[in-house]
Each structure stands twice: as structure tokens, then as C-alpha cells.
Amino acid sequence: QRITPAQRDWIETVFTRVFETHRPPLLVGKAVDQIELVHPRGYWHNLIRYIMRACAWVVGSVVCLWLAARHIEIRGERATGCPKCGYSLVGLAGGVCPECGHDRGAGA
């Protein structure tokens, strides 16, 4: 779509006031009448962009929380197992692993 005279005036105003020192290289040397509005960003474009960002944050947060919970769960399993062979020592009265003979109280 071609730009209207009102849009042309607005573009000239923006370029003269805002972009005095820097003009986009794509527009340098072109008359304002030759500029076409390829993809004007409007309400729906911004709404979709914000929804996509929010979805990315939600998915990323859920993944991070799941990884943290899994890490805590694995650490809890390791705390109840033999540090040498991983055999579960839950319910055993002694500190010696029946599988490998490692003494839990002696250190790793």
C-alpha cells in the first residue's frame, strides 16, 4: 500500500526530529513518496508478540521448576543410598552397606 500525504508528513517529521544523526540505510536517498508500508506494527501484531513471549516465559519457568524438583529428588535418593554402590540403605539399622560392605560412617 502506498502512503498517504498525512503519513508522508509524519514520516518526514520523525526523520527530521528523531533521526537527525542516524537514518536507516534502507531509506537513505529515497524520496518519502517511494516508501511503502510493508508491515505496519499494530495492536494485533503486538498482542500476538506479547502472548508468545508470555508463553515462552511460562514454558521456561515450568521446565526450570521441573528440573529443580528432579534435582532435589535425585539428591534425596542419593542421601538414602550407599555412596559407593548406590544400594538403598532405607530401613537398615547399621551403617554398613550389605551389598558392598562400605561403612557409611567412615566417609566416601
C-alpha atoms as a PDB file:
ATOM      1  CA  GLN A   1       0.000   0.000   0.000  1.00  0.00           C
ATOM      2  CA  ARG A   2       1.178   3.487  -0.778  1.00  0.00           C
ATOM      3  CA  ILE A   3       1.481   6.069   1.964  1.00  0.00           C
ATOM      4  CA  THR A   4      -0.956   8.923   2.319  1.00  0.00           C
ATOM      5  CA  PRO A   5       0.092  12.591   2.425  1.00  0.00           C
ATOM      6  CA  ALA A   6      -0.570  12.645   6.185  1.00  0.00           C
ATOM      7  CA  GLN A   7       1.688   9.629   6.680  1.00  0.00           C
ATOM      8  CA  ARG A   8       4.332  11.261   4.465  1.00  0.00           C
ATOM      9  CA  ASP A   9       4.296  14.389   6.621  1.00  0.00           C
ATOM     10  CA  TRP A  10       4.541  12.294   9.782  1.00  0.00           C
ATOM     11  CA  ILE A  11       7.488  10.288   8.400  1.00  0.00           C
ATOM     12  CA  GLU A  12       9.320  13.471   7.404  1.00  0.00           C
ATOM     13  CA  THR A  13       8.711  14.924  10.867  1.00  0.00           C
ATOM     14  CA  VAL A  14      10.002  11.799  12.589  1.00  0.00           C
ATOM     15  CA  PHE A  15      13.111  11.636  10.424  1.00  0.00           C
ATOM     16  CA  THR A  16      13.956  15.289  10.886  1.00  0.00           C
ATOM     17  CA  ARG A  17      13.371  15.367  14.653  1.00  0.00           C
ATOM     18  CA  VAL A  18      14.227  11.896  15.905  1.00  0.00           C
ATOM     19  CA  PHE A  19      16.692  10.508  13.389  1.00  0.00           C
ATOM     20  CA  GLU A  20      18.699  13.654  12.696  1.00  0.00           C
ATOM     21  CA  THR A  21      22.049  11.918  13.147  1.00  0.00           C
ATOM     22  CA  HIS A  22      21.064   8.434  12.030  1.00  0.00           C
ATOM     23  CA  ARG A  23      18.772   7.431   9.232  1.00  0.00           C
ATOM     24  CA  PRO A  24      18.207   3.790   8.360  1.00  0.00           C
ATOM     25  CA  PRO A  25      20.454   2.877   5.373  1.00  0.00           C
ATOM     26  CA  LEU A  26      17.492   1.359   3.541  1.00  0.00           C
ATOM     27  CA  LEU A  27      15.746   4.736   3.360  1.00  0.00           C
ATOM     28  CA  VAL A  28      18.720   6.989   2.611  1.00  0.00           C
ATOM     29  CA  GLY A  29      18.429   8.546  -0.821  1.00  0.00           C
ATOM     30  CA  LYS A  30      14.791   7.573  -1.373  1.00  0.00           C
ATOM     31  CA  ALA A  31      12.013  10.069  -1.615  1.00  0.00           C
ATOM     32  CA  VAL A  32       9.419   9.748   1.089  1.00  0.00           C
ATOM     33  CA  ASP A  33       6.745   9.154  -1.553  1.00  0.00           C
ATOM     34  CA  GLN A  34       8.565   5.975  -2.651  1.00  0.00           C
ATOM     35  CA  ILE A  35       8.411   4.340   0.784  1.00  0.00           C
ATOM     36  CA  GLU A  36       5.840   1.586   1.104  1.00  0.00           C
ATOM     37  CA  LEU A  37       4.438   0.447   4.431  1.00  0.00           C
ATOM     38  CA  VAL A  38       5.336  -3.225   4.229  1.00  0.00           C
ATOM     39  CA  HIS A  39       4.384  -4.382   7.705  1.00  0.00           C
ATOM     40  CA  PRO A  40       2.891  -1.759   9.975  1.00  0.00           C
ATOM     41  CA  ARG A  41       3.001  -2.911  13.557  1.00  0.00           C
ATOM     42  CA  GLY A  42      -0.381  -2.530  15.112  1.00  0.00           C
ATOM     43  CA  TYR A  43      -2.444  -3.769  18.006  1.00  0.00           C
ATOM     44  CA  TRP A  44      -2.772  -7.392  16.861  1.00  0.00           C
ATOM     45  CA  HIS A  45       0.887  -7.749  15.990  1.00  0.00           C
ATOM     46  CA  ASN A  46       1.908  -6.530  19.442  1.00  0.00           C
ATOM     47  CA  LEU A  47      -0.740  -8.639  21.179  1.00  0.00           C
ATOM     48  CA  ILE A  48       0.466 -11.805  19.458  1.00  0.00           C
ATOM     49  CA  ARG A  49       4.086 -10.921  20.236  1.00  0.00           C
ATOM     50  CA  TYR A  50       3.321 -10.413  23.940  1.00  0.00           C
ATOM     51  CA  ILE A  51       1.303 -13.624  24.125  1.00  0.00           C
ATOM     52  CA  MET A  52       4.167 -15.572  22.543  1.00  0.00           C
ATOM     53  CA  ARG A  53       6.657 -14.045  24.986  1.00  0.00           C
ATOM     54  CA  ALA A  54       4.399 -14.892  27.924  1.00  0.00           C
ATOM     55  CA  CYS A  55       4.057 -18.484  26.685  1.00  0.00           C
ATOM     56  CA  ALA A  56       7.828 -18.776  26.351  1.00  0.00           C
ATOM     57  CA  TRP A  57       8.300 -17.485  29.916  1.00  0.00           C
ATOM     58  CA  VAL A  58       5.675 -19.900  31.272  1.00  0.00           C
ATOM     59  CA  VAL A  59       7.158 -22.901  29.464  1.00  0.00           C
ATOM     60  CA  GLY A  60      10.683 -21.929  30.516  1.00  0.00           C
ATOM     61  CA  SER A  61       9.605 -21.475  34.134  1.00  0.00           C
ATOM     62  CA  VAL A  62       7.829 -24.837  34.201  1.00  0.00           C
ATOM     63  CA  VAL A  63      10.885 -26.569  32.742  1.00  0.00           C
ATOM     64  CA  CYS A  64      13.190 -24.888  35.289  1.00  0.00           C
ATOM     65  CA  LEU A  65      10.906 -25.817  38.188  1.00  0.00           C
ATOM     66  CA  TRP A  66      10.666 -29.404  36.946  1.00  0.00           C
ATOM     67  CA  LEU A  67      14.464 -29.649  36.646  1.00  0.00           C
ATOM     68  CA  ALA A  68      14.908 -28.204  40.144  1.00  0.00           C
ATOM     69  CA  ALA A  69      12.371 -30.656  41.602  1.00  0.00           C
ATOM     70  CA  ARG A  70      14.043 -33.553  39.786  1.00  0.00           C
ATOM     71  CA  HIS A  71      17.445 -32.448  41.097  1.00  0.00           C
ATOM     72  CA  ILE A  72      16.123 -32.323  44.668  1.00  0.00           C
ATOM     73  CA  GLU A  73      14.502 -35.733  44.197  1.00  0.00           C
ATOM     74  CA  ILE A  74      17.748 -37.256  42.907  1.00  0.00           C
ATOM     75  CA  ARG A  75      19.716 -35.711  45.784  1.00  0.00           C
ATOM     76  CA  GLY A  76      17.208 -37.202  48.221  1.00  0.00           C
ATOM     77  CA  GLU A  77      17.634 -40.648  46.653  1.00  0.00           C
ATOM     78  CA  ARG A  78      21.404 -40.352  46.893  1.00  0.00           C
ATOM     79  CA  ALA A  79      21.203 -39.386  50.563  1.00  0.00           C
ATOM     80  CA  THR A  80      19.403 -42.648  51.387  1.00  0.00           C
ATOM     81  CA  GLY A  81      21.697 -44.809  49.270  1.00  0.00           C
ATOM     82  CA  CYS A  82      25.225 -46.123  49.645  1.00  0.00           C
ATOM     83  CA  PRO A  83      27.686 -43.519  48.320  1.00  0.00           C
ATOM     84  CA  LYS A  84      29.861 -46.266  46.818  1.00  0.00           C
ATOM     85  CA  CYS A  85      27.401 -48.565  45.033  1.00  0.00           C
ATOM     86  CA  GLY A  86      24.051 -46.740  45.296  1.00  0.00           C
ATOM     87  CA  TYR A  87      22.278 -49.558  47.150  1.00  0.00           C
ATOM     88  CA  SER A  88      19.285 -48.297  49.141  1.00  0.00           C
ATOM     89  CA  LEU A  89      20.036 -48.219  52.865  1.00  0.00           C
ATOM     90  CA  VAL A  90      16.497 -47.255  53.916  1.00  0.00           C
ATOM     91  CA  GLY A  91      15.388 -49.243  56.967  1.00  0.00           C
ATOM     92  CA  LEU A  92      18.835 -50.640  57.817  1.00  0.00           C
ATOM     93  CA  ALA A  93      19.917 -50.163  61.410  1.00  0.00           C
ATOM     94  CA  GLY A  94      23.662 -50.359  60.792  1.00  0.00           C
ATOM     95  CA  GLY A  95      25.839 -48.001  58.828  1.00  0.00           C
ATOM     96  CA  VAL A  96      27.417 -50.768  56.725  1.00  0.00           C
ATOM     97  CA  CYS A  97      26.145 -51.470  53.220  1.00  0.00           C
ATOM     98  CA  PRO A  98      25.110 -55.144  52.858  1.00  0.00           C
ATOM     99  CA  GLU A  99      25.872 -55.024  49.124  1.00  0.00           C
ATOM    100  CA  CYS A 100      29.486 -53.791  49.051  1.00  0.00           C
ATOM    101  CA  GLY A 101      30.465 -53.586  52.740  1.00  0.00           C
ATOM    102  CA  HIS A 102      31.130 -49.830  52.646  1.00  0.00           C
ATOM    103  CA  ASP A 103      30.864 -48.156  56.055  1.00  0.00           C
ATOM    104  CA  ARG A 104      28.609 -45.106  55.759  1.00  0.00           C
ATOM    105  CA  GLY A 105      30.098 -43.522  58.871  1.00  0.00           C
ATOM    106  CA  ALA A 106      33.677 -43.843  57.575  1.00  0.00           C
ATOM    107  CA  GLY A 107      33.115 -41.354  54.704  1.00  0.00           C
ATOM    108  CA  ALA A 108      33.083 -41.790  50.964  1.00  0.00           C
END
